């Protein structure tokens, strides 16, 4: 999975591959130097954090993408409202009400509860 988030500068596939490589190195050292078991376990535990961090980055990137789309949609509604007002439409605020009533304009946490 190459960097699937256009605004993220982290290539999660590359990070995962380097992490796997580091795990193999640690496993080799651990079998060659069993007296340092506690140290190898600490390093292994630190490497295990990569999976959780990758999942967090994936979730936050998706939320950021949703937020950016929502912002763009609301900005378009604002512009449509201003243009409708300038054109003398009877209900220019309709554009804003419509955008605000759309399910995707709700924050992600509220949208999941519904």
N, C-alpha and C. Protein backbone atom coordinates (compact mmCIF):
# COMPACT_ATOMS: atom_id res chain seq x y z
N UNK A 1 0.85 -1.17 0.00
CA UNK A 1 0.00 0.00 0.00
C UNK A 1 0.89 1.23 0.00
N UNK A 2 1.15 1.81 -1.16
CA UNK A 2 1.93 3.05 -1.19
C UNK A 2 1.17 4.16 -0.51
N UNK A 3 1.80 5.30 -0.40
CA UNK A 3 1.20 6.43 0.29
C UNK A 3 -0.13 6.77 -0.37
N UNK A 4 -1.23 6.36 0.27
CA UNK A 4 -2.57 6.56 -0.32
C UNK A 4 -3.20 7.87 0.12
N UNK A 5 -2.52 8.60 0.98
CA UNK A 5 -3.05 9.87 1.45
C UNK A 5 -2.25 10.99 0.80
N UNK A 6 -2.89 11.76 -0.06
CA UNK A 6 -2.15 12.75 -0.84
C UNK A 6 -1.47 13.83 -0.02
N UNK A 7 -1.94 14.08 1.19
CA UNK A 7 -1.36 15.16 1.98
C UNK A 7 -0.42 14.66 3.07
N UNK A 8 -0.23 13.35 3.14
CA UNK A 8 0.67 12.78 4.15
C UNK A 8 2.06 12.60 3.53
N UNK A 9 3.06 12.95 4.30
CA UNK A 9 4.42 12.80 3.80
C UNK A 9 5.05 11.50 4.27
N UNK A 10 4.25 10.64 4.89
CA UNK A 10 4.74 9.37 5.41
C UNK A 10 4.27 8.24 4.51
N UNK A 11 5.19 7.44 4.04
CA UNK A 11 4.85 6.27 3.23
C UNK A 11 4.73 5.09 4.19
N UNK A 12 3.51 4.73 4.53
CA UNK A 12 3.28 3.69 5.53
C UNK A 12 3.80 2.33 5.09
N UNK A 13 3.78 2.06 3.80
CA UNK A 13 4.30 0.78 3.31
C UNK A 13 5.81 0.71 3.56
N UNK A 14 6.50 1.79 3.27
CA UNK A 14 7.95 1.83 3.50
C UNK A 14 8.27 1.71 4.99
N UNK A 15 7.51 2.38 5.82
CA UNK A 15 7.71 2.31 7.27
C UNK A 15 7.51 0.86 7.74
N UNK A 16 6.47 0.21 7.26
CA UNK A 16 6.19 -1.17 7.65
C UNK A 16 7.30 -2.10 7.20
N UNK A 17 7.81 -1.90 6.00
CA UNK A 17 8.90 -2.74 5.50
C UNK A 17 10.16 -2.55 6.34
N UNK A 18 10.50 -1.31 6.67
CA UNK A 18 11.67 -1.07 7.52
C UNK A 18 11.47 -1.67 8.91
N UNK A 19 10.25 -1.58 9.42
CA UNK A 19 9.94 -2.15 10.72
C UNK A 19 10.12 -3.67 10.70
N UNK A 20 9.61 -4.32 9.65
CA UNK A 20 9.77 -5.77 9.53
C UNK A 20 11.25 -6.16 9.46
N UNK A 21 12.02 -5.39 8.72
CA UNK A 21 13.46 -5.64 8.61
C UNK A 21 14.13 -5.51 9.98
N UNK A 22 13.77 -4.48 10.71
CA UNK A 22 14.34 -4.27 12.04
C UNK A 22 13.94 -5.41 12.98
N UNK A 23 12.73 -5.91 12.87
CA UNK A 23 12.30 -7.04 13.69
C UNK A 23 13.15 -8.27 13.43
N UNK A 24 13.45 -8.52 12.15
CA UNK A 24 14.30 -9.68 11.80
C UNK A 24 15.70 -9.51 12.38
N UNK A 25 16.21 -8.30 12.33
CA UNK A 25 17.54 -8.05 12.90
C UNK A 25 17.53 -8.28 14.40
N UNK A 26 16.52 -7.75 15.08
CA UNK A 26 16.41 -7.94 16.53
C UNK A 26 16.27 -9.42 16.87
N UNK A 27 15.46 -10.15 16.09
CA UNK A 27 15.30 -11.58 16.34
C UNK A 27 16.64 -12.32 16.19
N UNK A 28 17.41 -11.93 15.19
CA UNK A 28 18.73 -12.55 15.00
C UNK A 28 19.66 -12.25 16.16
N UNK A 29 19.71 -11.00 16.58
CA UNK A 29 20.56 -10.63 17.71
C UNK A 29 20.08 -11.30 19.00
N UNK A 30 18.77 -11.39 19.17
CA UNK A 30 18.22 -12.00 20.38
C UNK A 30 18.62 -13.47 20.48
N UNK A 31 18.60 -14.18 19.34
CA UNK A 31 19.00 -15.59 19.39
C UNK A 31 20.51 -15.74 19.55
N UNK A 32 21.27 -14.76 19.06
CA UNK A 32 22.73 -14.84 19.18
C UNK A 32 23.22 -14.38 20.55
N UNK A 33 22.46 -13.50 21.20
CA UNK A 33 22.86 -12.96 22.50
C UNK A 33 21.70 -13.04 23.49
N UNK A 34 21.34 -14.24 23.93
CA UNK A 34 20.19 -14.38 24.82
C UNK A 34 20.37 -13.71 26.18
N UNK A 35 21.59 -13.38 26.55
CA UNK A 35 21.81 -12.71 27.83
C UNK A 35 21.18 -11.32 27.86
N UNK A 36 20.91 -10.77 26.69
CA UNK A 36 20.33 -9.43 26.59
C UNK A 36 18.83 -9.49 26.30
N UNK A 37 18.17 -10.54 26.74
CA UNK A 37 16.75 -10.77 26.43
C UNK A 37 15.89 -9.57 26.78
N UNK A 38 16.10 -8.97 27.95
CA UNK A 38 15.28 -7.82 28.36
C UNK A 38 15.43 -6.65 27.40
N UNK A 39 16.64 -6.42 26.95
CA UNK A 39 16.88 -5.31 26.01
C UNK A 39 16.19 -5.60 24.68
N UNK A 40 16.31 -6.83 24.17
CA UNK A 40 15.69 -7.17 22.89
C UNK A 40 14.17 -7.08 23.01
N UNK A 41 13.62 -7.44 24.18
CA UNK A 41 12.18 -7.34 24.38
C UNK A 41 11.75 -5.87 24.35
N UNK A 42 12.53 -4.99 24.97
CA UNK A 42 12.21 -3.56 24.95
C UNK A 42 12.22 -3.01 23.52
N UNK A 43 13.21 -3.41 22.76
CA UNK A 43 13.29 -2.95 21.36
C UNK A 43 12.12 -3.51 20.56
N UNK A 44 11.82 -4.77 20.77
CA UNK A 44 10.69 -5.40 20.07
C UNK A 44 9.38 -4.71 20.42
N UNK A 45 9.20 -4.38 21.70
CA UNK A 45 7.99 -3.67 22.11
C UNK A 45 7.89 -2.31 21.43
N UNK A 46 9.00 -1.62 21.31
CA UNK A 46 9.00 -0.33 20.62
C UNK A 46 8.64 -0.49 19.14
N UNK A 47 9.14 -1.54 18.52
CA UNK A 47 8.81 -1.79 17.12
C UNK A 47 7.34 -2.17 16.95
N UNK A 48 6.76 -2.80 17.97
CA UNK A 48 5.34 -3.16 17.91
C UNK A 48 4.44 -1.93 17.87
N UNK A 49 4.93 -0.81 18.35
CA UNK A 49 4.14 0.43 18.34
C UNK A 49 3.86 0.92 16.92
N UNK A 50 4.64 0.50 15.96
CA UNK A 50 4.49 0.97 14.59
C UNK A 50 3.11 0.65 14.03
N UNK A 51 2.59 -0.52 14.31
CA UNK A 51 1.26 -0.89 13.81
C UNK A 51 0.18 0.03 14.32
N UNK A 52 0.23 0.31 15.62
CA UNK A 52 -0.77 1.22 16.20
C UNK A 52 -0.63 2.62 15.64
N UNK A 53 0.59 3.06 15.47
CA UNK A 53 0.81 4.40 14.91
C UNK A 53 0.34 4.48 13.46
N UNK A 54 0.57 3.44 12.69
CA UNK A 54 0.09 3.41 11.30
C UNK A 54 -1.43 3.48 11.24
N UNK A 55 -2.09 2.74 12.13
CA UNK A 55 -3.55 2.77 12.16
C UNK A 55 -4.05 4.16 12.54
N UNK A 56 -3.38 4.79 13.48
CA UNK A 56 -3.77 6.14 13.91
C UNK A 56 -3.58 7.14 12.77
N UNK A 57 -2.47 7.03 12.06
CA UNK A 57 -2.22 7.92 10.92
C UNK A 57 -3.29 7.72 9.85
N UNK A 58 -3.64 6.47 9.59
CA UNK A 58 -4.67 6.18 8.59
C UNK A 58 -6.00 6.81 8.98
N UNK A 59 -6.38 6.64 10.25
CA UNK A 59 -7.65 7.21 10.72
C UNK A 59 -7.63 8.74 10.66
N UNK A 60 -6.56 9.34 11.16
CA UNK A 60 -6.48 10.80 11.16
C UNK A 60 -6.44 11.37 9.74
N UNK A 61 -5.77 10.68 8.84
CA UNK A 61 -5.73 11.13 7.45
C UNK A 61 -7.11 11.09 6.82
N UNK A 62 -7.86 10.04 7.11
CA UNK A 62 -9.23 9.94 6.57
C UNK A 62 -10.10 11.05 7.15
N UNK A 63 -9.97 11.30 8.45
CA UNK A 63 -10.75 12.38 9.07
C UNK A 63 -10.37 13.74 8.48
N UNK A 64 -9.09 13.95 8.24
CA UNK A 64 -8.65 15.21 7.66
C UNK A 64 -9.21 15.38 6.25
N UNK A 65 -9.20 14.30 5.48
CA UNK A 65 -9.74 14.35 4.12
C UNK A 65 -11.24 14.69 4.17
N UNK A 66 -11.98 14.07 5.09
CA UNK A 66 -13.41 14.37 5.24
C UNK A 66 -13.63 15.83 5.64
N UNK A 67 -12.80 16.32 6.55
CA UNK A 67 -12.93 17.70 7.02
C UNK A 67 -12.66 18.68 5.88
N UNK A 68 -11.64 18.39 5.09
CA UNK A 68 -11.33 19.28 3.96
C UNK A 68 -12.46 19.30 2.94
N UNK A 69 -13.05 18.13 2.67
CA UNK A 69 -14.17 18.08 1.73
C UNK A 69 -15.37 18.84 2.29
N UNK A 70 -15.65 18.65 3.57
CA UNK A 70 -16.75 19.37 4.21
C UNK A 70 -16.53 20.88 4.13
N UNK A 71 -15.31 21.31 4.41
CA UNK A 71 -15.00 22.74 4.34
C UNK A 71 -15.21 23.28 2.93
N UNK A 72 -14.76 22.52 1.94
CA UNK A 72 -14.93 22.95 0.55
C UNK A 72 -16.41 23.04 0.18
N UNK A 73 -17.20 22.07 0.63
CA UNK A 73 -18.64 22.10 0.35
C UNK A 73 -19.32 23.29 1.02
N UNK A 74 -18.94 23.56 2.26
CA UNK A 74 -19.54 24.71 2.96
C UNK A 74 -19.12 26.02 2.31
N UNK A 75 -17.87 26.11 1.87
CA UNK A 75 -17.42 27.32 1.18
C UNK A 75 -18.18 27.52 -0.13
N UNK A 76 -18.43 26.42 -0.85
CA UNK A 76 -19.22 26.52 -2.08
C UNK A 76 -20.64 26.99 -1.77
N UNK A 77 -21.21 26.51 -0.68
CA UNK A 77 -22.56 26.93 -0.29
C UNK A 77 -22.59 28.41 0.09
N UNK A 78 -21.55 28.86 0.77
CA UNK A 78 -21.46 30.28 1.12
C UNK A 78 -21.41 31.14 -0.14
N UNK A 79 -20.58 30.71 -1.08
CA UNK A 79 -20.47 31.48 -2.34
C UNK A 79 -21.79 31.47 -3.10
N UNK A 80 -22.47 30.31 -3.12
CA UNK A 80 -23.76 30.23 -3.81
C UNK A 80 -24.79 31.12 -3.13
N UNK A 81 -24.74 31.17 -1.81
CA UNK A 81 -25.67 32.03 -1.06
C UNK A 81 -25.42 33.50 -1.39
N UNK A 82 -24.16 33.90 -1.40
CA UNK A 82 -23.84 35.30 -1.72
C UNK A 82 -24.25 35.65 -3.15
N UNK A 83 -24.02 34.72 -4.07
CA UNK A 83 -24.40 34.98 -5.46
C UNK A 83 -25.92 35.05 -5.59
N UNK A 84 -26.63 34.16 -4.89
CA UNK A 84 -28.09 34.17 -4.94
C UNK A 84 -28.64 35.46 -4.36
N UNK A 85 -28.01 35.92 -3.28
CA UNK A 85 -28.43 37.20 -2.69
C UNK A 85 -28.21 38.35 -3.67
N UNK A 86 -27.04 38.33 -4.32
CA UNK A 86 -26.73 39.39 -5.29
C UNK A 86 -27.69 39.35 -6.49
N UNK A 87 -28.15 38.14 -6.84
CA UNK A 87 -29.10 37.99 -7.96
C UNK A 87 -30.54 38.27 -7.55
N UNK A 88 -30.75 38.52 -6.25
CA UNK A 88 -32.09 38.85 -5.79
C UNK A 88 -33.00 37.64 -5.61
N UNK A 89 -32.44 36.45 -5.47
CA UNK A 89 -33.28 35.27 -5.26
C UNK A 89 -34.08 35.44 -3.96
N UNK A 90 -35.29 34.88 -3.93
CA UNK A 90 -36.14 35.07 -2.74
C UNK A 90 -35.61 34.38 -1.48
N UNK A 91 -34.89 33.29 -1.61
CA UNK A 91 -34.40 32.56 -0.43
C UNK A 91 -32.92 32.16 -0.64
N UNK A 92 -32.02 33.13 -0.62
CA UNK A 92 -30.62 32.79 -0.88
C UNK A 92 -29.99 31.91 0.22
N UNK A 93 -30.56 31.96 1.42
CA UNK A 93 -30.01 31.15 2.51
C UNK A 93 -30.27 29.66 2.32
N UNK A 94 -31.11 29.31 1.36
CA UNK A 94 -31.40 27.90 1.10
C UNK A 94 -30.12 27.11 0.86
N UNK A 95 -29.18 27.70 0.16
CA UNK A 95 -27.93 27.00 -0.16
C UNK A 95 -27.17 26.61 1.12
N UNK A 96 -27.14 27.53 2.07
CA UNK A 96 -26.46 27.22 3.34
C UNK A 96 -27.24 26.19 4.14
N UNK A 97 -28.55 26.35 4.21
CA UNK A 97 -29.36 25.39 4.96
C UNK A 97 -29.20 23.99 4.37
N UNK A 98 -29.22 23.92 3.07
CA UNK A 98 -29.09 22.62 2.40
C UNK A 98 -27.73 21.99 2.71
N UNK A 99 -26.68 22.78 2.65
CA UNK A 99 -25.34 22.25 2.93
C UNK A 99 -25.20 21.84 4.38
N UNK A 100 -25.76 22.63 5.28
CA UNK A 100 -25.66 22.31 6.70
C UNK A 100 -26.52 21.12 7.09
N UNK A 101 -27.59 20.87 6.37
CA UNK A 101 -28.46 19.73 6.67
C UNK A 101 -27.94 18.42 6.07
N UNK A 102 -26.98 18.50 5.18
CA UNK A 102 -26.43 17.29 4.56
C UNK A 102 -25.71 16.45 5.61
N UNK A 103 -25.90 15.14 5.60
CA UNK A 103 -25.25 14.27 6.61
C UNK A 103 -23.72 14.40 6.61
N UNK A 104 -23.12 14.62 5.46
CA UNK A 104 -21.66 14.72 5.41
C UNK A 104 -21.12 16.01 6.02
N UNK A 105 -22.02 16.97 6.30
CA UNK A 105 -21.55 18.20 6.93
C UNK A 105 -21.45 18.05 8.45
N UNK A 106 -21.98 16.95 8.98
CA UNK A 106 -21.87 16.69 10.42
C UNK A 106 -20.46 16.25 10.76
N UNK A 107 -19.98 16.56 11.94
CA UNK A 107 -18.69 16.03 12.36
C UNK A 107 -18.75 14.51 12.33
N UNK A 108 -17.60 13.87 12.05
CA UNK A 108 -17.55 12.42 11.90
C UNK A 108 -18.11 11.70 13.12
N UNK A 109 -17.83 12.18 14.31
CA UNK A 109 -18.31 11.52 15.52
C UNK A 109 -19.84 11.53 15.58
N UNK A 110 -20.45 12.64 15.18
CA UNK A 110 -21.91 12.71 15.20
C UNK A 110 -22.51 11.87 14.09
N UNK A 111 -21.86 11.86 12.95
CA UNK A 111 -22.36 11.10 11.81
C UNK A 111 -22.38 9.60 12.10
N UNK A 112 -21.43 9.10 12.90
CA UNK A 112 -21.37 7.68 13.23
C UNK A 112 -22.44 7.30 14.24
N UNK A 113 -22.89 8.25 15.04
CA UNK A 113 -23.89 7.93 16.06
C UNK A 113 -25.28 7.77 15.46
N UNK A 114 -25.52 8.43 14.36
CA UNK A 114 -26.86 8.44 13.78
C UNK A 114 -27.26 7.10 13.21
